[in-house]
């Protein structure tokens, strides 16, 4: 159940981050409200996932996958460009998340 809760936390974090951009510096009420709600959901489910997943593995996954998904949304929705060095950094993050998840001694 921990990885399902972590997945919900990651998706909620990506939603919250994108609505934060849409809030225009918290000057738009609806996107601001969605941002706050999404982050509440995010932190609730992240905390629940920590009951069964090691903190270092959960945080690496949450942060890494959040960065990757947010970057994808930034390109698709916000039409932002990703440079080659940024793409290389994202690939390194993917490698780090995989290493943390598959080779962690914590169970």
PDB file of N, CA and C in Angstrom:
ATOM      1  N   UNK A   1       0.819  -1.196   0.000  1.00  0.00           N
ATOM      2  CA  UNK A   1       0.000   0.000   0.000  1.00  0.00           C
ATOM      3  C   UNK A   1       0.863   1.260   0.000  1.00  0.00           C
ATOM      4  N   UNK A   2       2.067   1.167   0.524  1.00  0.00           N
ATOM      5  CA  UNK A   2       2.935   2.334   0.631  1.00  0.00           C
ATOM      6  C   UNK A   2       3.259   2.979  -0.708  1.00  0.00           C
ATOM      7  N   UNK A   3       3.503   2.156  -1.729  1.00  0.00           N
ATOM      8  CA  UNK A   3       3.844   2.725  -3.025  1.00  0.00           C
ATOM      9  C   UNK A   3       2.630   3.353  -3.712  1.00  0.00           C
ATOM     10  N   UNK A   4       1.444   2.839  -3.447  1.00  0.00           N
ATOM     11  CA  UNK A   4       0.225   3.480  -3.966  1.00  0.00           C
ATOM     12  C   UNK A   4       0.063   4.859  -3.332  1.00  0.00           C
ATOM     13  N   UNK A   5       0.257   4.926  -2.018  1.00  0.00           N
ATOM     14  CA  UNK A   5       0.165   6.210  -1.317  1.00  0.00           C
ATOM     15  C   UNK A   5       1.240   7.173  -1.801  1.00  0.00           C
ATOM     16  N   UNK A   6       2.433   6.654  -2.046  1.00  0.00           N
ATOM     17  CA  UNK A   6       3.506   7.496  -2.572  1.00  0.00           C
ATOM     18  C   UNK A   6       3.154   8.000  -3.962  1.00  0.00           C
ATOM     19  N   UNK A   7       2.560   7.153  -4.787  1.00  0.00           N
ATOM     20  CA  UNK A   7       2.143   7.569  -6.130  1.00  0.00           C
ATOM     21  C   UNK A   7       1.109   8.677  -6.088  1.00  0.00           C
ATOM     22  N   UNK A   8       0.153   8.553  -5.175  1.00  0.00           N
ATOM     23  CA  UNK A   8      -0.862   9.605  -5.010  1.00  0.00           C
ATOM     24  C   UNK A   8      -0.191  10.906  -4.571  1.00  0.00           C
ATOM     25  N   UNK A   9       0.766  10.801  -3.648  1.00  0.00           N
ATOM     26  CA  UNK A   9       1.490  11.991  -3.177  1.00  0.00           C
ATOM     27  C   UNK A   9       2.240  12.667  -4.323  1.00  0.00           C
ATOM     28  N   UNK A  10       2.862  11.879  -5.173  1.00  0.00           N
ATOM     29  CA  UNK A  10       3.623  12.432  -6.296  1.00  0.00           C
ATOM     30  C   UNK A  10       2.695  13.141  -7.281  1.00  0.00           C
ATOM     31  N   UNK A  11       1.595  12.488  -7.628  1.00  0.00           N
ATOM     32  CA  UNK A  11       0.642  13.105  -8.563  1.00  0.00           C
ATOM     33  C   UNK A  11       0.071  14.392  -7.971  1.00  0.00           C
ATOM     34  N   UNK A  12      -0.277  14.370  -6.694  1.00  0.00           N
ATOM     35  CA  UNK A  12      -0.829  15.570  -6.047  1.00  0.00           C
ATOM     36  C   UNK A  12       0.201  16.696  -6.025  1.00  0.00           C
ATOM     37  N   UNK A  13       1.466  16.350  -5.813  1.00  0.00           N
ATOM     38  CA  UNK A  13       2.521  17.363  -5.809  1.00  0.00           C
ATOM     39  C   UNK A  13       2.678  17.997  -7.194  1.00  0.00           C
ATOM     40  N   UNK A  14       2.614  17.186  -8.228  1.00  0.00           N
ATOM     41  CA  UNK A  14       2.723  17.700  -9.604  1.00  0.00           C
ATOM     42  C   UNK A  14       1.522  18.591  -9.927  1.00  0.00           C
ATOM     43  N   UNK A  15       0.329  18.170  -9.528  1.00  0.00           N
ATOM     44  CA  UNK A  15      -0.871  18.987  -9.725  1.00  0.00           C
ATOM     45  C   UNK A  15      -0.720  20.317  -8.984  1.00  0.00           C
ATOM     46  N   UNK A  16      -0.308  20.253  -7.718  1.00  0.00           N
ATOM     47  CA  UNK A  16      -0.140  21.464  -6.922  1.00  0.00           C
ATOM     48  C   UNK A  16       0.876  22.424  -7.513  1.00  0.00           C
ATOM     49  N   UNK A  17       1.975  21.890  -7.990  1.00  0.00           N
ATOM     50  CA  UNK A  17       3.019  22.734  -8.575  1.00  0.00           C
ATOM     51  C   UNK A  17       2.527  23.422  -9.841  1.00  0.00           C
ATOM     52  N   UNK A  18       1.791  22.693 -10.665  1.00  0.00           N
ATOM     53  CA  UNK A  18       1.301  23.295 -11.903  1.00  0.00           C
ATOM     54  C   UNK A  18       0.196  24.314 -11.659  1.00  0.00           C
ATOM     55  N   UNK A  19      -0.640  24.066 -10.673  1.00  0.00           N
ATOM     56  CA  UNK A  19      -1.641  25.080 -10.337  1.00  0.00           C
ATOM     57  C   UNK A  19      -1.005  26.281  -9.639  1.00  0.00           C
ATOM     58  N   UNK A  20       0.136  26.066  -8.987  1.00  0.00           N
ATOM     59  CA  UNK A  20       0.850  27.194  -8.413  1.00  0.00           C
ATOM     60  C   UNK A  20       1.308  28.135  -9.531  1.00  0.00           C
ATOM     61  N   UNK A  21       1.800  27.549 -10.627  1.00  0.00           N
ATOM     62  CA  UNK A  21       2.180  28.375 -11.772  1.00  0.00           C
ATOM     63  C   UNK A  21       0.953  29.091 -12.334  1.00  0.00           C
ATOM     64  N   UNK A  22      -0.161  28.370 -12.416  1.00  0.00           N
ATOM     65  CA  UNK A  22      -1.395  28.956 -12.945  1.00  0.00           C
ATOM     66  C   UNK A  22      -1.971  30.035 -12.030  1.00  0.00           C
ATOM     67  N   UNK A  23      -1.593  30.006 -10.751  1.00  0.00           N
ATOM     68  CA  UNK A  23      -2.140  30.977  -9.792  1.00  0.00           C
ATOM     69  C   UNK A  23      -1.562  32.376  -9.991  1.00  0.00           C
ATOM     70  N   UNK A  24      -0.534  32.503 -10.811  1.00  0.00           N
ATOM     71  CA  UNK A  24       0.096  33.801 -11.087  1.00  0.00           C
ATOM     72  C   UNK A  24       0.504  34.491  -9.786  1.00  0.00           C
ATOM     73  N   UNK A  25       1.362  33.775  -9.029  1.00  0.00           N
ATOM     74  CA  UNK A  25       1.863  34.353  -7.785  1.00  0.00           C
ATOM     75  C   UNK A  25       0.802  34.440  -6.706  1.00  0.00           C
ATOM     76  N   UNK A  26      -0.109  33.479  -6.692  1.00  0.00           N
ATOM     77  CA  UNK A  26      -1.232  33.421  -5.755  1.00  0.00           C
ATOM     78  C   UNK A  26      -2.178  34.610  -5.902  1.00  0.00           C
ATOM     79  N   UNK A  27      -2.250  35.160  -7.099  1.00  0.00           N
ATOM     80  CA  UNK A  27      -3.165  36.280  -7.334  1.00  0.00           C
ATOM     81  C   UNK A  27      -4.502  35.826  -7.926  1.00  0.00           C
ATOM     82  N   UNK A  28      -4.611  34.548  -8.286  1.00  0.00           N
ATOM     83  CA  UNK A  28      -5.864  34.002  -8.821  1.00  0.00           C
ATOM     84  C   UNK A  28      -6.418  32.987  -7.816  1.00  0.00           C
ATOM     85  N   UNK A  29      -7.651  33.205  -7.390  1.00  0.00           N
ATOM     86  CA  UNK A  29      -8.237  32.461  -6.271  1.00  0.00           C
ATOM     87  C   UNK A  29      -8.365  30.958  -6.529  1.00  0.00           C
ATOM     88  N   UNK A  30      -8.969  30.554  -7.626  1.00  0.00           N
ATOM     89  CA  UNK A  30      -9.230  29.129  -7.866  1.00  0.00           C
ATOM     90  C   UNK A  30      -7.928  28.330  -7.991  1.00  0.00           C
ATOM     91  N   UNK A  31      -6.975  28.750  -8.827  1.00  0.00           N
ATOM     92  CA  UNK A  31      -5.720  27.988  -8.878  1.00  0.00           C
ATOM     93  C   UNK A  31      -4.975  27.974  -7.539  1.00  0.00           C
ATOM     94  N   UNK A  32      -5.087  29.063  -6.770  1.00  0.00           N
ATOM     95  CA  UNK A  32      -4.458  29.099  -5.451  1.00  0.00           C
ATOM     96  C   UNK A  32      -5.096  28.062  -4.533  1.00  0.00           C
ATOM     97  N   UNK A  33      -6.405  27.984  -4.541  1.00  0.00           N
ATOM     98  CA  UNK A  33      -7.120  26.997  -3.717  1.00  0.00           C
ATOM     99  C   UNK A  33      -6.771  25.572  -4.101  1.00  0.00           C
ATOM    100  N   UNK A  34      -6.692  25.317  -5.401  1.00  0.00           N
ATOM    101  CA  UNK A  34      -6.325  23.974  -5.869  1.00  0.00           C
ATOM    102  C   UNK A  34      -4.896  23.651  -5.455  1.00  0.00           C
ATOM    103  N   UNK A  35      -4.000  24.630  -5.510  1.00  0.00           N
ATOM    104  CA  UNK A  35      -2.619  24.427  -5.074  1.00  0.00           C
ATOM    105  C   UNK A  35      -2.572  23.989  -3.619  1.00  0.00           C
ATOM    106  N   UNK A  36      -3.280  24.703  -2.767  1.00  0.00           N
ATOM    107  CA  UNK A  36      -3.287  24.391  -1.330  1.00  0.00           C
ATOM    108  C   UNK A  36      -3.869  23.008  -1.086  1.00  0.00           C
ATOM    109  N   UNK A  37      -4.991  22.702  -1.720  1.00  0.00           N
ATOM    110  CA  UNK A  37      -5.630  21.401  -1.558  1.00  0.00           C
ATOM    111  C   UNK A  37      -4.712  20.273  -2.046  1.00  0.00           C
ATOM    112  N   UNK A  38      -4.095  20.473  -3.198  1.00  0.00           N
ATOM    113  CA  UNK A  38      -3.213  19.442  -3.756  1.00  0.00           C
ATOM    114  C   UNK A  38      -2.025  19.176  -2.835  1.00  0.00           C
ATOM    115  N   UNK A  39      -1.462  20.232  -2.257  1.00  0.00           N
ATOM    116  CA  UNK A  39      -0.332  20.022  -1.347  1.00  0.00           C
ATOM    117  C   UNK A  39      -0.760  19.369  -0.039  1.00  0.00           C
ATOM    118  N   UNK A  40      -1.955  19.659   0.443  1.00  0.00           N
ATOM    119  CA  UNK A  40      -2.461  18.959   1.632  1.00  0.00           C
ATOM    120  C   UNK A  40      -2.603  17.464   1.342  1.00  0.00           C
ATOM    121  N   UNK A  41      -3.171  17.135   0.198  1.00  0.00           N
ATOM    122  CA  UNK A  41      -3.303  15.732  -0.211  1.00  0.00           C
ATOM    123  C   UNK A  41      -1.920  15.107  -0.349  1.00  0.00           C
ATOM    124  N   UNK A  42      -1.023  15.837  -0.987  1.00  0.00           N
ATOM    125  CA  UNK A  42       0.337  15.351  -1.206  1.00  0.00           C
ATOM    126  C   UNK A  42       1.016  14.985   0.110  1.00  0.00           C
ATOM    127  N   UNK A  43       1.036  15.905   1.058  1.00  0.00           N
ATOM    128  CA  UNK A  43       1.737  15.657   2.311  1.00  0.00           C
ATOM    129  C   UNK A  43       1.041  14.589   3.159  1.00  0.00           C
ATOM    130  N   UNK A  44      -0.280  14.530   3.098  1.00  0.00           N
ATOM    131  CA  UNK A  44      -0.993  13.480   3.824  1.00  0.00           C
ATOM    132  C   UNK A  44      -0.574  12.106   3.307  1.00  0.00           C
ATOM    133  N   UNK A  45      -0.639  11.910   1.990  1.00  0.00           N
ATOM    134  CA  UNK A  45      -0.318  10.597   1.436  1.00  0.00           C
ATOM    135  C   UNK A  45       1.174  10.284   1.518  1.00  0.00           C
ATOM    136  N   UNK A  46       2.020  11.306   1.441  1.00  0.00           N
ATOM    137  CA  UNK A  46       3.450  11.063   1.617  1.00  0.00           C
ATOM    138  C   UNK A  46       3.709  10.567   3.038  1.00  0.00           C
ATOM    139  N   UNK A  47       3.092  11.195   4.021  1.00  0.00           N
ATOM    140  CA  UNK A  47       3.245  10.767   5.418  1.00  0.00           C
ATOM    141  C   UNK A  47       2.757   9.337   5.602  1.00  0.00           C
ATOM    142  N   UNK A  48       1.638   8.980   4.962  1.00  0.00           N
ATOM    143  CA  UNK A  48       1.125   7.620   5.072  1.00  0.00           C
ATOM    144  C   UNK A  48       2.093   6.617   4.443  1.00  0.00           C
ATOM    145  N   UNK A  49       2.700   6.994   3.323  1.00  0.00           N
ATOM    146  CA  UNK A  49       3.633   6.082   2.655  1.00  0.00           C
ATOM    147  C   UNK A  49       4.859   5.793   3.515  1.00  0.00           C
ATOM    148  N   UNK A  50       5.218   6.740   4.379  1.00  0.00           N
ATOM    149  CA  UNK A  50       6.406   6.566   5.224  1.00  0.00           C
ATOM    150  C   UNK A  50       6.209   5.514   6.309  1.00  0.00           C
ATOM    151  N   UNK A  51       4.983   5.053   6.497  1.00  0.00           N
ATOM    152  CA  UNK A  51       4.740   3.967   7.450  1.00  0.00           C
ATOM    153  C   UNK A  51       5.355   2.659   6.971  1.00  0.00           C
ATOM    154  N   UNK A  52       5.475   2.510   5.647  1.00  0.00           N
ATOM    155  CA  UNK A  52       5.968   1.235   5.095  1.00  0.00           C
ATOM    156  C   UNK A  52       7.169   1.370   4.178  1.00  0.00           C
ATOM    157  N   UNK A  53       7.522   2.588   3.780  1.00  0.00           N
ATOM    158  CA  UNK A  53       8.656   2.795   2.876  1.00  0.00           C
ATOM    159  C   UNK A  53       9.726   3.575   3.622  1.00  0.00           C
ATOM    160  N   UNK A  54      10.966   3.151   3.467  1.00  0.00           N
ATOM    161  CA  UNK A  54      12.092   3.849   4.068  1.00  0.00           C
ATOM    162  C   UNK A  54      12.113   5.305   3.610  1.00  0.00           C
ATOM    163  N   UNK A  55      12.383   6.223   4.526  1.00  0.00           N
ATOM    164  CA  UNK A  55      12.353   7.657   4.238  1.00  0.00           C
ATOM    165  C   UNK A  55      13.249   8.029   3.061  1.00  0.00           C
ATOM    166  N   UNK A  56      14.468   7.528   3.031  1.00  0.00           N
ATOM    167  CA  UNK A  56      15.384   7.925   1.954  1.00  0.00           C
ATOM    168  C   UNK A  56      14.885   7.467   0.589  1.00  0.00           C
ATOM    169  N   UNK A  57      14.339   6.273   0.527  1.00  0.00           N
ATOM    170  CA  UNK A  57      13.801   5.746  -0.737  1.00  0.00           C
ATOM    171  C   UNK A  57      12.547   6.523  -1.129  1.00  0.00           C
ATOM    172  N   UNK A  58      11.656   6.755  -0.172  1.00  0.00           N
ATOM    173  CA  UNK A  58      10.417   7.478  -0.469  1.00  0.00           C
ATOM    174  C   UNK A  58      10.716   8.898  -0.931  1.00  0.00           C
ATOM    175  N   UNK A  59      11.624   9.577  -0.243  1.00  0.00           N
ATOM    176  CA  UNK A  59      11.907  10.963  -0.586  1.00  0.00           C
ATOM    177  C   UNK A  59      12.613  11.070  -1.937  1.00  0.00           C
ATOM    178  N   UNK A  60      13.530  10.155  -2.207  1.00  0.00           N
ATOM    179  CA  UNK A  60      14.199  10.159  -3.516  1.00  0.00           C
ATOM    180  C   UNK A  60      13.181   9.925  -4.627  1.00  0.00           C
ATOM    181  N   UNK A  61      12.274   9.004  -4.409  1.00  0.00           N
ATOM    182  CA  UNK A  61      11.243   8.710  -5.415  1.00  0.00           C
ATOM    183  C   UNK A  61      10.298   9.887  -5.586  1.00  0.00           C
ATOM    184  N   UNK A  62       9.848  10.448  -4.467  1.00  0.00           N
ATOM    185  CA  UNK A  62       8.910  11.579  -4.485  1.00  0.00           C
ATOM    186  C   UNK A  62       9.543  12.772  -5.197  1.00  0.00           C
ATOM    187  N   UNK A  63      10.731  13.117  -4.787  1.00  0.00           N
ATOM    188  CA  UNK A  63      11.402  14.267  -5.401  1.00  0.00           C
ATOM    189  C   UNK A  63      11.761  14.022  -6.859  1.00  0.00           C
ATOM    190  N   UNK A  64      12.356  12.864  -7.123  1.00  0.00           N
ATOM    191  CA  UNK A  64      12.802  12.558  -8.480  1.00  0.00           C
ATOM    192  C   UNK A  64      11.669  12.428  -9.473  1.00  0.00           C
ATOM    193  N   UNK A  65      10.665  11.633  -9.120  1.00  0.00           N
ATOM    194  CA  UNK A  65       9.535  11.463 -10.034  1.00  0.00           C
ATOM    195  C   UNK A  65       8.723  12.748 -10.156  1.00  0.00           C
ATOM    196  N   UNK A  66       8.661  13.516  -9.075  1.00  0.00           N
ATOM    197  CA  UNK A  66       7.995  14.821  -9.141  1.00  0.00           C
ATOM    198  C   UNK A  66       8.678  15.746 -10.138  1.00  0.00           C
ATOM    199  N   UNK A  67      10.002  15.777 -10.109  1.00  0.00           N
ATOM    200  CA  UNK A  67      10.762  16.605 -11.055  1.00  0.00           C
ATOM    201  C   UNK A  67      10.516  16.138 -12.488  1.00  0.00           C
ATOM    202  N   UNK A  68      10.557  14.846 -12.697  1.00  0.00           N
ATOM    203  CA  UNK A  68      10.380  14.301 -14.046  1.00  0.00           C
ATOM    204  C   UNK A  68       8.981  14.618 -14.576  1.00  0.00           C
ATOM    205  N   UNK A  69       7.955  14.319 -13.781  1.00  0.00           N
ATOM    206  CA  UNK A  69       6.580  14.568 -14.233  1.00  0.00           C
ATOM    207  C   UNK A  69       6.292  16.056 -14.405  1.00  0.00           C
ATOM    208  N   UNK A  70       6.818  16.876 -13.503  1.00  0.00           N
ATOM    209  CA  UNK A  70       6.626  18.320 -13.629  1.00  0.00           C
ATOM    210  C   UNK A  70       7.289  18.834 -14.899  1.00  0.00           C
ATOM    211  N   UNK A  71       8.447  18.300 -15.242  1.00  0.00           N
ATOM    212  CA  UNK A  71       9.131  18.701 -16.474  1.00  0.00           C
ATOM    213  C   UNK A  71       8.327  18.318 -17.709  1.00  0.00           C
ATOM    214  N   UNK A  72       7.729  17.126 -17.681  1.00  0.00           N
ATOM    215  CA  UNK A  72       6.895  16.679 -18.809  1.00  0.00           C
ATOM    216  C   UNK A  72       5.690  17.605 -18.962  1.00  0.00           C
ATOM    217  N   UNK A  73       5.028  17.914 -17.850  1.00  0.00           N
ATOM    218  CA  UNK A  73       3.868  18.814 -17.900  1.00  0.00           C
ATOM    219  C   UNK A  73       4.286  20.206 -18.358  1.00  0.00           C
ATOM    220  N   UNK A  74       5.447  20.670 -17.903  1.00  0.00           N
ATOM    221  CA  UNK A  74       5.932  21.992 -18.314  1.00  0.00           C
ATOM    222  C   UNK A  74       6.098  22.074 -19.828  1.00  0.00           C
ATOM    223  N   UNK A  75       6.576  21.008 -20.425  1.00  0.00           N
ATOM    224  CA  UNK A  75       6.756  20.986 -21.886  1.00  0.00           C
ATOM    225  C   UNK A  75       5.408  20.882 -22.590  1.00  0.00           C
ATOM    226  N   UNK A  76       4.543  19.976 -22.123  1.00  0.00           N
ATOM    227  CA  UNK A  76       3.279  19.718 -22.818  1.00  0.00           C
ATOM    228  C   UNK A  76       2.223  20.793 -22.591  1.00  0.00           C
ATOM    229  N   UNK A  77       2.121  21.287 -21.363  1.00  0.00           N
ATOM    230  CA  UNK A  77       1.051  22.236 -21.036  1.00  0.00           C
ATOM    231  C   UNK A  77       1.523  23.680 -21.144  1.00  0.00           C
ATOM    232  N   UNK A  78       2.678  23.964 -20.574  1.00  0.00           N
ATOM    233  CA  UNK A  78       3.160  25.348 -20.512  1.00  0.00           C
ATOM    234  C   UNK A  78       4.078  25.704 -21.690  1.00  0.00           C
ATOM    235  N   UNK A  79       4.351  24.722 -22.563  1.00  0.00           N
ATOM    236  CA  UNK A  79       5.165  24.926 -23.774  1.00  0.00           C
ATOM    237  C   UNK A  79       6.555  25.466 -23.444  1.00  0.00           C
ATOM    238  N   UNK A  80       7.100  24.997 -22.325  1.00  0.00           N
ATOM    239  CA  UNK A  80       8.456  25.377 -21.957  1.00  0.00           C
ATOM    240  C   UNK A  80       9.436  24.448 -22.649  1.00  0.00           C
ATOM    241  N   UNK A  81      10.632  24.928 -22.847  1.00  0.00           N
ATOM    242  CA  UNK A  81      11.668  24.127 -23.486  1.00  0.00           C
ATOM    243  C   UNK A  81      12.615  23.582 -22.429  1.00  0.00           C
ATOM    244  N   UNK A  82      13.150  22.393 -22.693  1.00  0.00           N
ATOM    245  CA  UNK A  82      14.151  21.799 -21.816  1.00  0.00           C
ATOM    246  C   UNK A  82      15.459  21.716 -22.601  1.00  0.00           C
ATOM    247  N   UNK A  83      16.504  22.267 -22.022  1.00  0.00           N
ATOM    248  CA  UNK A  83      17.810  22.254 -22.684  1.00  0.00           C
ATOM    249  C   UNK A  83      18.461  20.882 -22.520  1.00  0.00           C
ATOM    250  N   UNK A  84      19.502  20.650 -23.285  1.00  0.00           N
ATOM    251  CA  UNK A  84      20.233  19.387 -23.200  1.00  0.00           C
ATOM    252  C   UNK A  84      20.822  19.159 -21.809  1.00  0.00           C
ATOM    253  N   UNK A  85      21.441  20.173 -21.175  1.00  0.00           N
ATOM    254  CA  UNK A  85      21.931  19.945 -19.802  1.00  0.00           C
ATOM    255  C   UNK A  85      20.797  19.611 -18.813  1.00  0.00           C
ATOM    256  N   UNK A  86      19.639  20.248 -18.975  1.00  0.00           N
ATOM    257  CA  UNK A  86      18.501  19.925 -18.105  1.00  0.00           C
ATOM    258  C   UNK A  86      18.050  18.487 -18.323  1.00  0.00           C
ATOM    259  N   UNK A  87      18.003  18.072 -19.579  1.00  0.00           N
ATOM    260  CA  UNK A  87      17.613  16.700 -19.903  1.00  0.00           C
ATOM    261  C   UNK A  87      18.612  15.708 -19.320  1.00  0.00           C
ATOM    262  N   UNK A  88      19.892  16.035 -19.402  1.00  0.00           N
ATOM    263  CA  UNK A  88      20.919  15.172 -18.812  1.00  0.00           C
ATOM    264  C   UNK A  88      20.725  15.064 -17.303  1.00  0.00           C
ATOM    265  N   UNK A  89      20.400  16.168 -16.658  1.00  0.00           N
ATOM    266  CA  UNK A  89      20.138  16.146 -15.220  1.00  0.00           C
ATOM    267  C   UNK A  89      18.947  15.278 -14.876  1.00  0.00           C
ATOM    268  N   UNK A  90      17.893  15.343 -15.683  1.00  0.00           N
ATOM    269  CA  UNK A  90      16.703  14.518 -15.449  1.00  0.00           C
ATOM    270  C   UNK A  90      17.046  13.037 -15.599  1.00  0.00           C
ATOM    271  N   UNK A  91      17.877  12.696 -16.577  1.00  0.00           N
ATOM    272  CA  UNK A  91      18.312  11.308 -16.754  1.00  0.00           C
ATOM    273  C   UNK A  91      19.094  10.845 -15.521  1.00  0.00           C
ATOM    274  N   UNK A  92      19.947  11.702 -14.995  1.00  0.00           N
ATOM    275  CA  UNK A  92      20.691  11.347 -13.781  1.00  0.00           C
ATOM    276  C   UNK A  92      19.751  11.155 -12.589  1.00  0.00           C
ATOM    277  N   UNK A  93      18.707  11.961 -12.514  1.00  0.00           N
ATOM    278  CA  UNK A  93      17.716  11.792 -11.450  1.00  0.00           C
ATOM    279  C   UNK A  93      17.033  10.436 -11.579  1.00  0.00           C
ATOM    280  N   UNK A  94      16.663  10.056 -12.794  1.00  0.00           N
ATOM    281  CA  UNK A  94      16.042   8.751 -13.025  1.00  0.00           C
ATOM    282  C   UNK A  94      16.969   7.635 -12.554  1.00  0.00           C
ATOM    283  N   UNK A  95      18.239   7.743 -12.901  1.00  0.00           N
ATOM    284  CA  UNK A  95      19.221   6.738 -12.468  1.00  0.00           C
ATOM    285  C   UNK A  95      19.284   6.680 -10.944  1.00  0.00           C
ATOM    286  N   UNK A  96      19.293   7.833 -10.297  1.00  0.00           N
ATOM    287  CA  UNK A  96      19.335   7.877  -8.837  1.00  0.00           C
ATOM    288  C   UNK A  96      18.119   7.249  -8.191  1.00  0.00           C
ATOM    289  N   UNK A  97      16.944   7.528  -8.726  1.00  0.00           N
ATOM    290  CA  UNK A  97      15.710   6.949  -8.180  1.00  0.00           C
ATOM    291  C   UNK A  97      15.731   5.431  -8.338  1.00  0.00           C
ATOM    292  N   UNK A  98      16.164   4.954  -9.491  1.00  0.00           N
ATOM    293  CA  UNK A  98      16.243   3.507  -9.718  1.00  0.00           C
ATOM    294  C   UNK A  98      17.223   2.874  -8.737  1.00  0.00           C
ATOM    295  N   UNK A  99      18.384   3.480  -8.574  1.00  0.00           N
ATOM    296  CA  UNK A  99      19.374   2.942  -7.638  1.00  0.00           C
ATOM    297  C   UNK A  99      18.826   2.902  -6.211  1.00  0.00           C
ATOM    298  N   UNK A 100      18.182   3.968  -5.792  1.00  0.00           N
ATOM    299  CA  UNK A 100      17.610   4.005  -4.438  1.00  0.00           C
ATOM    300  C   UNK A 100      16.551   2.938  -4.237  1.00  0.00           C
ATOM    301  N   UNK A 101      15.704   2.735  -5.231  1.00  0.00           N
ATOM    302  CA  UNK A 101      14.608   1.785  -5.084  1.00  0.00           C
ATOM    303  C   UNK A 101      15.039   0.329  -5.193  1.00  0.00           C
ATOM    304  N   UNK A 102      15.944   0.033  -6.083  1.00  0.00           N
ATOM    305  CA  UNK A 102      16.287  -1.372  -6.307  1.00  0.00           C
ATOM    306  C   UNK A 102      17.462  -1.870  -5.496  1.00  0.00           C
ATOM    307  N   UNK A 103      18.282  -0.968  -5.002  1.00  0.00           N
ATOM    308  CA  UNK A 103      19.477  -1.427  -4.289  1.00  0.00           C
ATOM    309  C   UNK A 103      19.524  -0.956  -2.843  1.00  0.00           C
ATOM    310  N   UNK A 104      18.427  -0.453  -2.332  1.00  0.00           N
ATOM    311  CA  UNK A 104      18.377  -0.023  -0.940  1.00  0.00           C
ATOM    312  C   UNK A 104      18.339  -1.252  -0.028  1.00  0.00           C
ATOM    313  N   UNK A 105      19.090  -1.196   1.066  1.00  0.00           N
ATOM    314  CA  UNK A 105      19.077  -2.280   2.049  1.00  0.00           C
ATOM    315  C   UNK A 105      17.870  -2.185   2.965  1.00  0.00           C
ATOM    316  N   UNK A 106      17.235  -1.034   2.987  1.00  0.00           N
ATOM    317  CA  UNK A 106      16.082  -0.836   3.877  1.00  0.00           C
ATOM    318  C   UNK A 106      14.858  -1.529   3.305  1.00  0.00           C
ATOM    319  N   UNK A 107      14.186  -2.275   4.134  1.00  0.00           N
ATOM    320  CA  UNK A 107      12.975  -2.987   3.695  1.00  0.00           C
ATOM    321  C   UNK A 107      11.865  -2.710   4.645  1.00  0.00           C
TER     322      UNK A 107
END
